[in-house]
Amino acid sequence: MKILHIDSSILGHASASRELSSAIVHELRRQHADATVVQRDLSEDPVAHLDGAIAAGFRPIQGGDAAAATSAEHALSEQLVKELLASDVVVIGAPMYNFSVPSQLKAWIDRVIQPGMTFRYTENGPVGLAGHQRVFIASTRGGKHSIGPTAVMDFQEAYLKAVFGFMGIHQVFFVRAENLSRGPDVRQQSLQTAKASIPAVIEQALPDPSISGVLA
């Protein structure tokens, strides 16, 4: 099993999403001793946000050779896509920032949604080219947005499901901790409950623990 582990929180060791994403990877490795992990910390090692020159790397560059720095960004875009496509499981630490995902994570998403690589256009619309991966999202929120009046403000989990679905990846599972800003006791209880749910979430996504290699 090949695991791609991505963190995006700016809070370092104080991050709840990092704590949960690490717990998910730990449980996956416990169940799959042969698992290998590629890790990306989008806060410590950020991916530059998309601009015209970087986006030109998704298609032939016009007007001659690109500058060395831009060429390096094109190579990084290709590497990021290859990491995603080569993975069997993707684990993402995705805190809610202002009702959506961190801009660091959005920058990664903008690099891996590439025509001809993770989707293609057809006469009937775009079709995803990825698809075999299982994606586990460590979703953390300061308040409660899964139900209730603030659910309409959740542009985090729905966005991530849409993004991966666009690339053909529909097996997306959430390990969620909410109300993390409601005091230390509530925070601790929420994290404990989320961690306790991880084995069941993994069992739902990967019902056969002997599975290795490319998942069906």
Protein backbone atom coordinates (compact mmCIF):
# COMPACT_ATOMS: atom_id res chain seq x y z
CA MET A 1 0.00 0.00 0.00
CA LYS A 2 1.24 3.46 -0.94
CA ILE A 3 0.03 6.27 1.32
CA LEU A 4 0.21 9.95 0.43
CA HIS A 5 0.01 11.96 3.67
CA ILE A 6 -0.69 15.68 3.32
CA ASP A 7 -0.94 18.26 6.11
CA SER A 8 -1.99 21.86 5.61
CA SER A 9 -2.51 23.40 9.05
CA ILE A 10 -0.39 26.43 9.99
CA LEU A 11 -0.47 25.51 13.70
CA GLY A 12 2.37 22.99 13.81
CA HIS A 13 2.32 20.69 16.84
CA ALA A 14 -0.77 22.49 18.18
CA SER A 15 -2.80 21.41 15.15
CA ALA A 16 -5.79 19.13 15.69
CA SER A 17 -5.93 18.14 12.01
CA ARG A 18 -2.28 17.07 12.13
CA GLU A 19 -3.00 15.00 15.22
CA LEU A 20 -5.89 13.26 13.48
CA SER A 21 -4.14 12.74 10.15
CA SER A 22 -1.18 11.18 11.96
CA ALA A 23 -3.54 8.89 13.86
CA ILE A 24 -5.13 7.78 10.58
CA VAL A 25 -1.73 7.01 9.03
CA HIS A 26 -0.66 5.17 12.20
CA GLU A 27 -3.73 2.94 12.05
CA LEU A 28 -3.28 2.28 8.34
CA ARG A 29 0.34 1.25 8.91
CA ARG A 30 -0.68 -0.92 11.85
CA GLN A 31 -3.09 -2.79 9.58
CA HIS A 32 -0.75 -2.81 6.56
CA ALA A 33 2.81 -3.44 7.70
CA ASP A 34 4.13 -3.14 4.14
CA ALA A 35 2.72 0.36 3.67
CA THR A 36 5.02 3.13 2.46
CA VAL A 37 4.34 6.80 3.11
CA VAL A 38 5.10 9.92 1.09
CA GLN A 39 4.53 12.96 3.29
CA ARG A 40 3.96 16.58 2.27
CA ASP A 41 3.70 19.42 4.75
CA LEU A 42 2.12 22.26 2.82
CA SER A 43 2.77 24.73 5.62
CA GLU A 44 6.44 23.93 6.21
CA ASP A 45 7.13 23.34 2.51
CA PRO A 46 4.45 25.34 0.70
CA VAL A 47 3.45 24.90 -2.91
CA ALA A 48 3.35 28.20 -4.77
CA HIS A 49 -0.12 29.39 -5.70
CA LEU A 50 -1.15 29.00 -9.30
CA ASP A 51 -0.30 31.80 -11.71
CA GLY A 52 -0.21 32.09 -15.47
CA ALA A 53 3.37 30.88 -15.85
CA ILE A 54 2.84 27.86 -13.61
CA ALA A 55 -0.46 26.98 -15.29
CA ALA A 56 1.35 27.02 -18.64
CA GLY A 57 3.09 23.87 -17.46
CA PHE A 58 -0.20 22.01 -17.92
CA ARG A 59 0.04 22.62 -21.67
CA PRO A 60 2.79 23.48 -24.21
CA ILE A 61 4.68 26.64 -23.28
CA GLN A 62 4.34 29.39 -25.86
CA GLY A 63 7.09 31.81 -26.76
CA GLY A 64 10.24 29.82 -26.15
CA ASP A 65 11.97 28.41 -23.09
CA ALA A 66 10.59 29.12 -19.66
CA ALA A 67 12.74 30.72 -16.99
CA ALA A 68 14.55 28.27 -14.75
CA ALA A 69 12.34 29.06 -11.76
CA THR A 70 9.19 28.49 -13.79
CA SER A 71 10.57 25.24 -15.19
CA ALA A 72 11.18 24.09 -11.62
CA GLU A 73 7.55 24.85 -10.79
CA HIS A 74 6.41 22.86 -13.81
CA ALA A 75 8.50 19.92 -12.62
CA LEU A 76 6.95 20.24 -9.16
CA SER A 77 3.44 20.20 -10.64
CA GLU A 78 4.28 16.98 -12.46
CA GLN A 79 5.73 15.45 -9.30
CA LEU A 80 2.64 16.33 -7.26
CA VAL A 81 0.36 14.69 -9.81
CA LYS A 82 2.53 11.59 -9.97
CA GLU A 83 2.46 11.29 -6.17
CA LEU A 84 -1.32 11.44 -6.20
CA LEU A 85 -1.78 8.96 -9.05
CA ALA A 86 0.76 6.53 -7.59
CA SER A 87 -0.96 6.42 -4.19
CA ASP A 88 -3.48 3.84 -3.05
CA VAL A 89 -4.58 5.91 -0.06
CA VAL A 90 -4.49 9.68 0.47
CA VAL A 91 -4.67 11.10 4.00
CA ILE A 92 -5.24 14.84 4.27
CA GLY A 93 -5.22 17.04 7.33
CA ALA A 94 -7.76 19.70 6.36
CA PRO A 95 -8.79 22.23 9.01
CA MET A 96 -11.62 24.62 8.29
CA TYR A 97 -10.31 28.16 7.80
CA ASN A 98 -13.02 30.78 7.36
CA PHE A 99 -15.53 28.12 6.28
CA SER A 100 -13.26 26.60 3.61
CA VAL A 101 -9.87 24.89 3.32
CA PRO A 102 -6.46 26.49 3.98
CA SER A 103 -5.02 28.32 0.99
CA GLN A 104 -1.99 26.03 1.27
CA LEU A 105 -4.21 23.04 0.51
CA LYS A 106 -6.00 24.91 -2.26
CA ALA A 107 -2.60 25.58 -3.89
CA TRP A 108 -1.90 21.82 -3.94
CA ILE A 109 -5.34 21.11 -5.37
CA ASP A 110 -4.81 23.65 -8.15
CA ARG A 111 -1.60 21.84 -9.12
CA VAL A 112 -3.04 18.32 -9.25
CA ILE A 113 -6.23 19.09 -11.18
CA GLN A 114 -4.59 18.86 -14.60
CA PRO A 115 -6.23 18.15 -17.95
CA GLY A 116 -4.90 14.96 -19.45
CA MET A 117 -3.52 13.82 -16.11
CA THR A 118 -6.30 13.71 -13.52
CA PHE A 119 -9.23 14.56 -15.81
CA ARG A 120 -10.00 14.97 -19.48
CA TYR A 121 -12.59 16.83 -21.48
CA THR A 122 -15.08 14.85 -23.58
CA GLU A 123 -18.06 15.80 -25.71
CA ASN A 124 -20.20 14.93 -22.69
CA GLY A 125 -18.18 16.99 -20.24
CA PRO A 126 -15.12 16.36 -18.05
CA VAL A 127 -14.24 12.82 -16.93
CA GLY A 128 -11.95 11.98 -14.01
CA LEU A 129 -8.83 9.94 -14.76
CA ALA A 130 -7.93 9.01 -11.20
CA GLY A 131 -10.28 6.82 -9.24
CA HIS A 132 -8.82 3.83 -7.42
CA GLN A 133 -7.64 5.81 -4.40
CA ARG A 134 -9.34 5.98 -1.03
CA VAL A 135 -9.13 9.43 0.55
CA PHE A 136 -9.30 10.02 4.29
CA ILE A 137 -9.87 13.62 5.39
CA ALA A 138 -8.98 14.67 8.94
CA SER A 139 -11.57 17.45 9.15
CA THR A 140 -11.36 19.87 12.07
CA ARG A 141 -13.60 22.83 12.89
CA GLY A 142 -13.67 25.36 15.69
CA GLY A 143 -17.48 25.29 15.75
CA LYS A 144 -20.13 22.82 14.64
CA HIS A 145 -20.93 22.77 10.94
CA SER A 146 -21.97 19.18 10.23
CA ILE A 147 -25.56 19.92 11.31
CA GLY A 148 -27.57 22.91 12.46
CA PRO A 149 -27.88 26.46 11.19
CA THR A 150 -24.18 26.86 10.34
CA ALA A 151 -24.13 23.79 8.06
CA VAL A 152 -24.80 26.10 5.10
CA MET A 153 -21.43 27.74 5.81
CA ASP A 154 -19.49 24.50 5.27
CA PHE A 155 -17.47 25.05 2.09
CA GLN A 156 -14.74 22.71 3.36
CA GLU A 157 -15.92 19.09 3.27
CA ALA A 158 -18.35 19.59 0.37
CA TYR A 159 -15.59 21.27 -1.64
CA LEU A 160 -13.13 18.45 -1.00
CA LYS A 161 -15.66 15.81 -2.04
CA ALA A 162 -16.38 17.77 -5.22
CA VAL A 163 -12.69 18.24 -6.03
CA PHE A 164 -11.80 14.58 -5.67
CA GLY A 165 -15.00 13.51 -7.41
CA PHE A 166 -14.06 15.72 -10.37
CA MET A 167 -10.82 13.75 -10.65
CA GLY A 168 -12.77 10.49 -10.50
CA ILE A 169 -12.07 9.72 -6.84
CA HIS A 170 -15.37 9.05 -5.11
CA GLN A 171 -14.22 7.04 -2.10
CA VAL A 172 -13.78 9.95 0.30
CA PHE A 173 -14.11 9.39 4.06
CA PHE A 174 -14.11 11.97 6.85
CA VAL A 175 -12.76 11.73 10.38
CA ARG A 176 -14.28 14.84 11.91
CA ALA A 177 -13.63 16.78 15.12
CA GLU A 178 -15.82 19.82 15.78
CA ASN A 179 -16.32 22.42 18.53
CA LEU A 180 -12.56 22.62 19.02
CA SER A 181 -12.72 26.25 20.09
CA ARG A 182 -15.29 25.62 22.84
CA GLY A 183 -12.77 25.07 25.62
CA PRO A 184 -10.09 22.48 26.43
CA ASP A 185 -12.46 19.84 27.79
CA VAL A 186 -14.74 19.95 24.76
CA ARG A 187 -11.73 19.95 22.46
CA GLN A 188 -10.19 16.91 24.11
CA GLN A 189 -13.46 14.99 24.05
CA SER A 190 -14.01 15.80 20.39
CA LEU A 191 -10.53 14.63 19.45
CA GLN A 192 -10.88 11.45 21.49
CA THR A 193 -14.19 10.65 19.81
CA ALA A 194 -12.71 11.30 16.37
CA LYS A 195 -9.68 9.10 17.06
CA ALA A 196 -11.89 6.30 18.37
CA SER A 197 -13.80 6.33 15.07
CA ILE A 198 -10.71 5.80 12.90
CA PRO A 199 -10.62 1.95 12.88
CA ALA A 200 -14.29 1.78 11.85
CA VAL A 201 -13.80 4.39 9.11
CA ILE A 202 -10.82 2.49 7.74
CA GLU A 203 -12.74 -0.78 7.89
CA GLN A 204 -15.56 0.83 5.91
CA ALA A 205 -13.12 2.09 3.28
CA LEU A 206 -10.84 -0.97 3.22
CA PRO A 207 -12.94 -3.91 4.39
CA ASP A 208 -10.21 -6.43 3.58
CA PRO A 209 -7.05 -5.61 5.62
CA SER A 210 -5.00 -7.95 3.41
CA ILE A 211 -5.43 -5.62 0.43
CA SER A 212 -2.15 -4.23 -0.84
CA GLY A 213 -1.03 -2.53 -4.00
CA VAL A 214 -3.54 -0.83 -6.27
CA LEU A 215 -7.00 -0.95 -4.73
CA ALA A 216 -10.07 -1.96 -6.74
